């Protein structure tokens, strides 16, 4: 095993996004063509996509419309323009979307107490949008039921009951989430260069926010005040800010509070925007001598083997690698129950924080060019050692995709190249050419947050 140790590490400033990439209409036109081709392959006559504020990614992928206060429906029938059903507030807002679709105002999607004076029966609206009797209809919500062996149940549908019942009057209805979210073949598993550029810009924001938090958080500061250093700028969030210190930190997910950060506290921060999330965990101390006597071997017992496993993740990841291979590379180092690894060591990311994961024990799903992936290995020890954490995003890109990215988005490409160089020269992680790191804190892991110049490295 290559030596892993704490050392002085200068984390460069890789910069903030200056140019903001956007998805042009032709991207959505290409997506609709691919969706229609998949419908034919799957023997479906139509697909209905359900979306709401918490589950916006599938409908946003297809249209560019992300629901805000209301739910929304998209009806896709071959040979017809897709039809978006929106409520009172979403109907005009849909004009902001770059996709090509017709709009229908269906007021039951509106909040309670709002007007219903222009409401027509759902069956009539669905019929007008192209549905007819005896169709095979795929209904895509936001997930479905899978057994441990990965068997997907098409009859387990998590969309609203009223919608399922209405669609069943037109024919056979099955869960179509895997059209979009399959861990290898899903339409959202493989991204265009334009989408990857948007994800890189989001990841630059999230990772810079986490960096600013770690560099500025101090004992005596309230959690709210510490979070203010992240400089949130209004970019749409994919999850709540996960930040807490002290007794609640072991849960990972709480939001910040007015509690003051204490000297010696365990502490965790996670920041997610649509397309990216970064997280780190450690202790609010300067060095191991300030930890309780029973856990002063924190680095040796937990952080070093964890960092070795994260480095192995980067060593293993690559195009055409089986997800099970990545899982084995990580778990060969963290299989001891002490580490408490209960989730997959990584997953696909999109506008939603977790799409699916090909990284399971025995998984034969192959990693492919165009995938956006998270290094997300969570050692929930359940002990006084607390945890440590690296969560950063990457993309996989073959030679043609890399050339396209570099040509169309030179500013982002310069950041990617500088991150790769930092990981190789300073951290000791040499990446394959097809790995594009999107985080401005790439594999940077400081155990002691009052000494952020001390971080883990190989060699």
Protein backbone atom coordinates (compact mmCIF):
# COMPACT_ATOMS: atom_id res chain seq x y z
CA UNK A 1 0.00 0.00 0.00
CA UNK A 2 1.27 3.48 -0.87
CA UNK A 3 1.97 5.52 2.26
CA UNK A 4 -0.83 7.90 3.23
CA UNK A 5 -0.08 10.74 5.62
CA UNK A 6 -0.96 14.23 6.83
CA UNK A 7 1.24 16.90 5.30
CA UNK A 8 1.37 20.59 4.51
CA UNK A 9 -0.78 20.94 1.41
CA UNK A 10 -1.32 24.24 -0.35
CA UNK A 11 -4.74 24.17 -1.95
CA UNK A 12 -4.70 26.44 -5.03
CA UNK A 13 -7.47 28.85 -5.86
CA UNK A 14 -8.88 27.35 -9.04
CA UNK A 15 -11.20 30.31 -9.54
CA UNK A 16 -14.90 31.00 -9.86
CA UNK A 17 -16.99 30.59 -13.01
CA UNK A 18 -16.98 33.71 -15.15
CA UNK A 19 -18.83 32.29 -18.15
CA UNK A 20 -22.17 30.60 -17.34
CA UNK A 21 -22.97 27.73 -19.72
CA UNK A 22 -26.61 27.21 -20.73
CA UNK A 23 -28.55 24.47 -22.51
CA UNK A 24 -29.72 25.68 -25.93
CA UNK A 25 -32.98 24.50 -27.59
CA UNK A 26 -31.14 22.02 -29.81
CA UNK A 27 -30.04 20.06 -26.74
CA UNK A 28 -33.69 19.50 -25.78
CA UNK A 29 -34.58 18.62 -29.38
CA UNK A 30 -31.88 15.94 -29.34
CA UNK A 31 -33.14 14.61 -26.02
CA UNK A 32 -36.68 14.27 -27.32
CA UNK A 33 -35.42 12.31 -30.34
CA UNK A 34 -33.56 9.93 -28.04
CA UNK A 35 -36.58 9.57 -25.77
CA UNK A 36 -38.86 8.72 -28.70
CA UNK A 37 -36.36 6.15 -29.94
CA UNK A 38 -36.31 4.54 -26.50
CA UNK A 39 -40.10 4.41 -26.41
CA UNK A 40 -40.03 2.41 -29.60
CA UNK A 41 -37.34 0.09 -28.24
CA UNK A 42 -39.36 -0.51 -25.06
CA UNK A 43 -42.64 -1.04 -26.91
CA UNK A 44 -44.33 1.95 -25.30
CA UNK A 45 -46.98 4.05 -27.04
CA UNK A 46 -46.54 7.05 -24.74
CA UNK A 47 -44.66 8.25 -21.70
CA UNK A 48 -45.97 10.55 -18.99
CA UNK A 49 -43.40 12.34 -16.81
CA UNK A 50 -44.43 13.59 -13.39
CA UNK A 51 -42.44 16.32 -11.66
CA UNK A 52 -42.60 18.50 -8.56
CA UNK A 53 -40.22 20.69 -6.57
CA UNK A 54 -38.44 17.74 -4.94
CA UNK A 55 -38.53 15.57 -8.07
CA UNK A 56 -37.86 17.93 -10.94
CA UNK A 57 -34.98 16.26 -12.76
CA UNK A 58 -36.76 14.00 -15.28
CA UNK A 59 -39.19 16.66 -16.49
CA UNK A 60 -36.46 19.33 -16.50
CA UNK A 61 -34.23 17.03 -18.58
CA UNK A 62 -36.96 16.70 -21.19
CA UNK A 63 -38.19 20.31 -21.29
CA UNK A 64 -35.95 22.70 -19.35
CA UNK A 65 -38.96 23.35 -17.08
CA UNK A 66 -38.30 22.82 -13.38
CA UNK A 67 -41.45 22.90 -11.23
CA UNK A 68 -41.46 25.47 -8.47
CA UNK A 69 -44.56 25.69 -6.25
CA UNK A 70 -46.62 23.18 -8.22
CA UNK A 71 -46.46 19.73 -9.72
CA UNK A 72 -46.29 19.31 -13.49
CA UNK A 73 -46.93 16.62 -16.09
CA UNK A 74 -45.41 16.08 -19.52
CA UNK A 75 -47.25 13.92 -22.05
CA UNK A 76 -45.04 12.49 -24.81
CA UNK A 77 -46.73 10.69 -27.71
CA UNK A 78 -44.83 9.85 -30.93
CA UNK A 79 -45.89 12.00 -33.85
CA UNK A 80 -47.13 14.86 -31.65
CA UNK A 81 -45.50 17.80 -29.90
CA UNK A 82 -45.07 17.05 -26.16
CA UNK A 83 -47.63 18.71 -23.91
CA UNK A 84 -46.77 20.22 -20.52
CA UNK A 85 -49.54 20.40 -17.92
CA UNK A 86 -48.94 23.22 -15.43
CA UNK A 87 -50.92 25.10 -12.78
CA UNK A 88 -51.77 28.77 -12.41
CA UNK A 89 -48.25 29.86 -11.53
CA UNK A 90 -46.31 27.33 -13.55
CA UNK A 91 -48.17 27.97 -16.80
CA UNK A 92 -46.64 31.41 -17.50
CA UNK A 93 -43.31 30.45 -15.89
CA UNK A 94 -42.98 27.64 -18.46
CA UNK A 95 -42.20 30.27 -21.09
CA UNK A 96 -38.71 30.44 -19.53
CA UNK A 97 -37.96 26.85 -20.57
CA UNK A 98 -35.83 26.15 -23.65
CA UNK A 99 -37.60 22.93 -24.69
CA UNK A 100 -40.22 22.74 -27.44
CA UNK A 101 -43.64 21.79 -26.08
CA UNK A 102 -47.24 22.90 -25.97
CA UNK A 103 -48.71 24.11 -22.67
CA UNK A 104 -51.98 23.27 -21.00
CA UNK A 105 -53.30 25.06 -17.92
CA UNK A 106 -54.62 22.32 -15.66
CA UNK A 107 -55.59 24.09 -12.47
CA UNK A 108 -55.75 21.10 -10.07
CA UNK A 109 -51.93 21.29 -10.14
CA UNK A 110 -52.24 24.71 -8.48
CA UNK A 111 -52.05 25.27 -4.73
CA UNK A 112 -55.21 24.91 -2.70
CA UNK A 113 -57.44 27.98 -2.57
CA UNK A 114 -56.35 29.19 -6.00
CA UNK A 115 -58.83 29.51 -8.88
CA UNK A 116 -60.24 26.41 -10.55
CA UNK A 117 -62.52 28.33 -12.91
CA UNK A 118 -60.90 27.02 -16.12
CA UNK A 119 -60.57 23.38 -15.07
CA UNK A 120 -61.42 20.55 -17.47
CA UNK A 121 -61.52 16.84 -16.52
CA UNK A 122 -58.09 15.22 -16.59
CA UNK A 123 -59.29 12.51 -18.97
CA UNK A 124 -60.32 15.14 -21.51
CA UNK A 125 -56.98 16.91 -21.27
CA UNK A 126 -55.04 13.65 -21.61
CA UNK A 127 -57.11 12.70 -24.66
CA UNK A 128 -56.43 16.09 -26.23
CA UNK A 129 -52.71 15.58 -25.58
CA UNK A 130 -52.74 12.36 -27.63
CA UNK A 131 -53.59 9.50 -25.28
CA UNK A 132 -56.10 6.95 -26.53
CA UNK A 133 -57.54 3.63 -25.45
CA UNK A 134 -55.43 0.44 -25.27
CA UNK A 135 -52.07 2.20 -25.12
CA UNK A 136 -48.97 0.95 -23.33
CA UNK A 137 -48.02 3.95 -21.19
CA UNK A 138 -44.81 4.45 -19.25
CA UNK A 139 -45.16 6.67 -16.18
CA UNK A 140 -41.91 8.20 -14.93
CA UNK A 141 -41.92 9.70 -11.46
CA UNK A 142 -38.64 9.81 -9.57
CA UNK A 143 -37.76 6.22 -8.72
CA UNK A 144 -39.21 2.74 -8.41
CA UNK A 145 -38.90 -0.37 -6.30
CA UNK A 146 -35.78 -2.50 -6.71
CA UNK A 147 -34.84 -5.65 -4.84
CA UNK A 148 -31.33 -6.20 -3.49
CA UNK A 149 -30.35 -8.06 -6.66
CA UNK A 150 -31.43 -5.08 -8.80
CA UNK A 151 -34.71 -6.53 -10.08
CA UNK A 152 -37.01 -3.63 -10.96
CA UNK A 153 -40.76 -3.94 -10.40
CA UNK A 154 -42.60 -2.06 -13.21
CA UNK A 155 -45.89 -2.27 -11.31
CA UNK A 156 -44.56 -0.34 -8.29
CA UNK A 157 -45.50 3.23 -9.21
CA UNK A 158 -44.79 6.10 -6.82
CA UNK A 159 -46.62 8.82 -8.79
CA UNK A 160 -49.89 10.30 -7.41
CA UNK A 161 -52.83 7.92 -7.22
CA UNK A 162 -55.18 10.19 -9.20
CA UNK A 163 -52.72 10.21 -12.10
CA UNK A 164 -52.20 6.44 -12.12
CA UNK A 165 -55.97 5.84 -12.08
CA UNK A 166 -56.55 8.33 -14.90
CA UNK A 167 -53.87 6.77 -17.07
CA UNK A 168 -55.13 3.25 -16.45
CA UNK A 169 -58.36 4.23 -18.19
CA UNK A 170 -56.26 4.60 -21.36
CA UNK A 171 -54.43 1.29 -21.10
CA UNK A 172 -51.59 -0.54 -19.40
CA UNK A 173 -49.42 1.64 -17.13
CA UNK A 174 -45.91 0.72 -15.96
CA UNK A 175 -43.08 2.48 -14.14
CA UNK A 176 -40.78 4.08 -16.71
CA UNK A 177 -38.24 5.64 -14.33
CA UNK A 178 -35.45 3.48 -15.72
CA UNK A 179 -35.83 5.11 -19.14
CA UNK A 180 -34.16 8.09 -17.51
CA UNK A 181 -32.39 6.68 -14.45
CA UNK A 182 -30.96 3.25 -15.29
CA UNK A 183 -27.38 3.17 -13.92
CA UNK A 184 -25.88 2.37 -17.35
CA UNK A 185 -28.47 3.00 -20.07
CA UNK A 186 -30.60 5.77 -18.55
CA UNK A 187 -31.12 8.83 -20.69
CA UNK A 188 -29.93 10.99 -17.78
CA UNK A 189 -26.93 8.74 -17.09
CA UNK A 190 -25.17 10.04 -20.20
CA UNK A 191 -24.75 13.78 -20.59
CA UNK A 192 -24.08 16.13 -23.47
CA UNK A 193 -21.02 18.36 -23.31
CA UNK A 194 -23.29 21.34 -22.64
CA UNK A 195 -24.81 19.61 -19.62
CA UNK A 196 -21.42 18.59 -18.28
CA UNK A 197 -20.25 22.19 -18.57
CA UNK A 198 -23.27 23.29 -16.50
CA UNK A 199 -22.42 20.66 -13.89
CA UNK A 200 -18.80 21.84 -13.74
CA UNK A 201 -19.93 25.40 -13.12
CA UNK A 202 -22.25 24.23 -10.34
CA UNK A 203 -19.50 22.10 -8.78
CA UNK A 204 -17.11 25.03 -8.83
CA UNK A 205 -19.66 26.99 -6.80
CA UNK A 206 -20.37 24.23 -4.29
CA UNK A 207 -16.74 23.30 -3.74
CA UNK A 208 -15.71 26.94 -3.33
CA UNK A 209 -18.50 27.30 -0.77
CA UNK A 210 -17.27 24.32 1.23
CA UNK A 211 -13.72 25.61 1.01
CA UNK A 212 -14.75 29.04 2.31
CA UNK A 213 -16.67 27.42 5.15
CA UNK A 214 -13.71 25.32 6.31
CA UNK A 215 -11.27 28.21 6.00
CA UNK A 216 -13.47 30.57 8.05
CA UNK A 217 -15.43 28.53 10.62
CA UNK A 218 -14.17 29.08 14.17
CA UNK A 219 -15.13 28.06 17.71
CA UNK A 220 -17.60 30.51 19.22
CA UNK A 221 -19.18 31.24 15.86
CA UNK A 222 -22.82 30.21 15.39
CA UNK A 223 -23.53 27.63 12.71
CA UNK A 224 -25.57 30.25 10.85
CA UNK A 225 -22.68 32.69 10.89
CA UNK A 226 -20.27 30.02 9.67
CA UNK A 227 -22.57 29.16 6.75
CA UNK A 228 -22.69 32.82 5.70
CA UNK A 229 -19.07 32.45 4.65
CA UNK A 230 -20.18 30.02 1.93
CA UNK A 231 -21.49 33.02 -0.06
CA UNK A 232 -24.61 31.42 -1.49
CA UNK A 233 -25.58 33.37 -4.59
CA UNK A 234 -29.06 32.14 -5.53
CA UNK A 235 -28.08 29.30 -7.87
CA UNK A 236 -30.82 26.62 -7.47
CA UNK A 237 -30.07 24.19 -4.66
CA UNK A 238 -30.61 20.45 -5.01
CA UNK A 239 -30.63 19.78 -1.26
CA UNK A 240 -30.78 21.78 1.96
CA UNK A 241 -27.44 22.91 3.40
CA UNK A 242 -26.23 20.02 5.56
CA UNK A 243 -24.17 21.62 8.29
CA UNK A 244 -23.93 20.93 11.99
CA UNK A 245 -21.36 20.60 14.73
CA UNK A 246 -21.28 18.92 18.11
CA UNK A 247 -23.82 16.25 19.13
CA UNK A 248 -25.91 16.46 15.94
CA UNK A 249 -22.96 16.13 13.58
CA UNK A 250 -23.03 12.32 13.69
CA UNK A 251 -26.34 12.38 11.81
CA UNK A 252 -24.84 14.23 8.85
CA UNK A 253 -28.10 15.66 7.50
CA UNK A 254 -29.32 18.38 9.94
CA UNK A 255 -29.51 22.00 8.84
CA UNK A 256 -27.48 24.67 10.65
CA UNK A 257 -28.83 26.30 13.79
CA UNK A 258 -27.97 29.13 16.16
CA UNK A 259 -25.81 26.74 18.22
CA UNK A 260 -22.26 27.99 18.65
CA UNK A 261 -19.48 25.80 17.33
CA UNK A 262 -17.32 24.50 20.17
CA UNK A 263 -13.60 23.83 20.35
CA UNK A 264 -13.11 20.12 19.68
CA UNK A 265 -16.52 19.65 18.03
CA UNK A 266 -17.02 17.11 15.30
CA UNK A 267 -18.27 19.07 12.30
CA UNK A 268 -19.72 18.36 8.86
CA UNK A 269 -20.76 20.53 5.93
CA UNK A 270 -22.46 19.62 2.64
CA UNK A 271 -23.52 22.02 -0.09
CA UNK A 272 -25.56 20.89 -3.10
CA UNK A 273 -26.68 22.80 -6.17
CA UNK A 274 -28.46 21.37 -9.19
CA UNK A 275 -25.73 19.27 -10.79
CA UNK A 276 -23.22 19.17 -7.94
CA UNK A 277 -22.63 18.47 -4.27
CA UNK A 278 -19.56 18.65 -2.06
CA UNK A 279 -19.18 17.50 1.53
CA UNK A 280 -16.43 17.29 4.13
CA UNK A 281 -16.26 16.21 7.78
CA UNK A 282 -13.64 16.55 10.50
CA UNK A 283 -12.96 18.04 13.92
CA UNK A 284 -12.74 21.66 15.04
CA UNK A 285 -9.19 21.36 16.41
CA UNK A 286 -5.69 22.37 15.37
CA UNK A 287 -4.12 18.93 15.78
CA UNK A 288 -4.65 15.49 17.27
CA UNK A 289 -3.44 16.54 20.73
CA UNK A 290 -6.65 18.56 21.14
CA UNK A 291 -8.86 15.52 20.61
CA UNK A 292 -10.02 13.34 23.51
CA UNK A 293 -7.26 10.95 24.57
CA UNK A 294 -9.23 7.92 23.34
CA UNK A 295 -9.34 9.14 19.73
CA UNK A 296 -6.02 10.87 19.25
CA UNK A 297 -5.22 8.19 16.69
CA UNK A 298 -8.10 9.63 14.59
CA UNK A 299 -5.93 10.01 11.51
CA UNK A 300 -4.27 6.60 11.79
CA UNK A 301 -7.45 4.72 12.72
CA UNK A 302 -9.94 6.38 10.39
CA UNK A 303 -8.73 9.16 8.13
CA UNK A 304 -5.69 7.47 6.59
CA UNK A 305 -7.41 4.22 5.58
CA UNK A 306 -10.38 6.25 4.36
CA UNK A 307 -8.18 8.47 2.20
CA UNK A 308 -6.44 5.37 0.87
CA UNK A 309 -9.86 4.01 -0.14
CA UNK A 310 -10.86 7.29 -1.80
CA UNK A 311 -7.58 7.30 -3.73
CA UNK A 312 -8.31 3.71 -4.78
CA UNK A 313 -11.71 4.90 -6.03
CA UNK A 314 -9.95 7.38 -8.30
CA UNK A 315 -7.48 4.71 -9.39
CA UNK A 316 -10.26 2.31 -10.34
CA UNK A 317 -12.75 4.66 -11.98
CA UNK A 318 -12.75 4.95 -15.76
CA UNK A 319 -14.62 4.32 -18.98
CA UNK A 320 -15.78 0.70 -19.46
CA UNK A 321 -14.91 -0.20 -15.86
CA UNK A 322 -17.57 -2.31 -14.13
CA UNK A 323 -19.23 -0.66 -11.17
CA UNK A 324 -18.48 -3.74 -9.09
CA UNK A 325 -14.76 -3.21 -9.70
CA UNK A 326 -14.93 0.25 -8.12
CA UNK A 327 -16.94 -1.15 -5.20
CA UNK A 328 -14.30 -3.85 -4.60
CA UNK A 329 -11.43 -1.36 -4.75
CA UNK A 330 -13.00 0.70 -1.96
CA UNK A 331 -14.31 -2.10 0.21
CA UNK A 332 -11.01 -3.99 0.13
CA UNK A 333 -9.80 -1.15 2.35
CA UNK A 334 -12.92 -0.35 4.37
CA UNK A 335 -14.62 -3.72 4.85
CA UNK A 336 -14.01 -3.70 8.61
CA UNK A 337 -17.40 -3.03 10.28
CA UNK A 338 -15.73 -0.23 12.24
CA UNK A 339 -15.93 2.00 9.17
CA UNK A 340 -19.70 1.64 8.95
CA UNK A 341 -19.96 1.83 5.16
CA UNK A 342 -23.67 1.36 4.54
CA UNK A 343 -24.20 3.04 1.16
CA UNK A 344 -22.67 2.72 -2.29
CA UNK A 345 -19.17 4.16 -2.70
CA UNK A 346 -20.34 6.61 -5.35
CA UNK A 347 -23.27 7.26 -7.65
CA UNK A 348 -24.56 9.10 -10.69
CA UNK A 349 -25.47 12.74 -10.16
CA UNK A 350 -27.60 15.08 -12.26
CA UNK A 351 -29.95 17.94 -11.36
CA UNK A 352 -30.92 15.65 -8.50
CA UNK A 353 -28.20 14.71 -6.05
CA UNK A 354 -28.53 10.94 -6.56
CA UNK A 355 -29.82 9.38 -9.79
CA UNK A 356 -28.77 5.74 -9.39
CA UNK A 357 -25.57 3.88 -8.65
CA UNK A 358 -23.70 1.34 -10.76
CA UNK A 359 -21.25 0.90 -7.86
CA UNK A 360 -22.63 -2.11 -6.03
CA UNK A 361 -21.20 -5.43 -4.98
CA UNK A 362 -20.99 -7.63 -8.07
CA UNK A 363 -22.36 -4.96 -10.41
CA UNK A 364 -21.54 -5.52 -14.07
CA UNK A 365 -22.87 -2.13 -15.13
CA UNK A 366 -20.17 -0.40 -17.13
CA UNK A 367 -19.14 3.20 -16.64
CA UNK A 368 -19.49 5.20 -19.83
CA UNK A 369 -18.34 8.43 -21.42
CA UNK A 370 -20.71 11.26 -20.54
CA UNK A 371 -21.45 10.06 -17.01
CA UNK A 372 -21.33 12.54 -14.12
CA UNK A 373 -20.34 10.69 -10.94
CA UNK A 374 -19.77 11.39 -7.27
CA UNK A 375 -16.99 10.04 -5.12
CA UNK A 376 -19.23 9.60 -2.08
CA UNK A 377 -17.85 7.17 0.50
CA UNK A 378 -19.41 7.69 3.93
CA UNK A 379 -17.75 6.06 6.97
CA UNK A 380 -20.45 6.39 9.62
CA UNK A 381 -18.50 4.77 12.45
CA UNK A 382 -21.09 5.41 15.17
CA UNK A 383 -18.18 5.91 17.59
CA UNK A 384 -16.32 8.85 19.11
CA UNK A 385 -14.13 8.80 16.01
CA UNK A 386 -17.11 10.37 14.26
CA UNK A 387 -16.38 10.32 10.52
CA UNK A 388 -14.33 11.77 7.71
CA UNK A 389 -15.54 12.49 4.23
CA UNK A 390 -14.63 13.36 0.67
CA UNK A 391 -17.56 14.00 -1.64
CA UNK A 392 -16.56 15.46 -4.97
CA UNK A 393 -17.84 15.18 -8.53
CA UNK A 394 -16.19 14.04 -11.73
CA UNK A 395 -17.21 13.32 -15.31
CA UNK A 396 -16.02 10.56 -17.60
CA UNK A 397 -15.17 11.72 -21.11
CA UNK A 398 -13.63 9.89 -24.04
CA UNK A 399 -11.17 11.62 -26.36
CA UNK A 400 -13.85 13.14 -28.59
CA UNK A 401 -15.88 14.47 -25.67
CA UNK A 402 -12.75 15.90 -24.03
CA UNK A 403 -11.83 17.69 -27.25
CA UNK A 404 -15.35 19.11 -27.53
CA UNK A 405 -15.30 20.27 -23.90
CA UNK A 406 -11.91 21.94 -24.25
CA UNK A 407 -12.94 23.70 -27.48
CA UNK A 408 -16.36 24.93 -26.33
CA UNK A 409 -15.57 25.72 -22.68
CA UNK A 410 -11.92 26.78 -22.40
CA UNK A 411 -12.38 28.54 -19.06
CA UNK A 412 -13.79 25.41 -17.42
CA UNK A 413 -11.23 23.23 -19.18
CA UNK A 414 -8.41 25.29 -17.66
CA UNK A 415 -9.83 24.59 -14.19
CA UNK A 416 -10.14 20.87 -14.95
CA UNK A 417 -6.54 20.71 -16.15
CA UNK A 418 -5.27 22.56 -13.08
CA UNK A 419 -7.23 20.25 -10.76
CA UNK A 420 -5.78 17.16 -12.43
CA UNK A 421 -2.30 18.59 -12.02
CA UNK A 422 -2.91 19.36 -8.32
CA UNK A 423 -4.21 15.87 -7.65
CA UNK A 424 -1.21 14.27 -9.34
CA UNK A 425 1.61 16.52 -8.13
CA UNK A 426 0.39 17.50 -4.66
CA UNK A 427 -2.10 14.87 -3.47
CA UNK A 428 -0.47 11.93 -5.23
CA UNK A 429 -3.51 10.72 -7.20
CA UNK A 430 -2.76 10.27 -10.90
CA UNK A 431 -5.99 10.26 -12.91
CA UNK A 432 -6.70 8.45 -16.16
CA UNK A 433 -7.12 10.83 -19.12
CA UNK A 434 -10.88 10.21 -19.21
CA UNK A 435 -11.50 11.54 -15.65
CA UNK A 436 -12.48 15.21 -15.42
CA UNK A 437 -12.50 16.49 -11.81
CA UNK A 438 -15.18 19.14 -11.29
CA UNK A 439 -14.43 20.09 -7.68
CA UNK A 440 -12.23 23.01 -6.65
CA UNK A 441 -11.26 20.99 -3.56
CA UNK A 442 -10.35 17.80 -5.47
CA UNK A 443 -9.58 15.01 -2.97
CA UNK A 444 -8.54 17.66 -0.43
CA UNK A 445 -9.12 16.22 3.03
CA UNK A 446 -8.10 18.26 6.10
CA UNK A 447 -8.77 16.28 9.32
CA UNK A 448 -8.27 19.28 11.63
CA UNK A 449 -10.30 22.27 10.49
CA UNK A 450 -8.43 24.85 12.52
CA UNK A 451 -5.33 23.81 10.54
CA UNK A 452 -6.69 23.56 6.97
CA UNK A 453 -3.16 23.66 5.59
CA UNK A 454 -2.75 20.11 6.91
CA UNK A 455 -4.36 17.61 4.55
CA UNK A 456 -4.03 14.00 3.48
CA UNK A 457 -1.78 12.91 0.65
CA UNK A 458 -0.08 9.89 -0.82
CA UNK A 459 3.65 9.45 -0.58
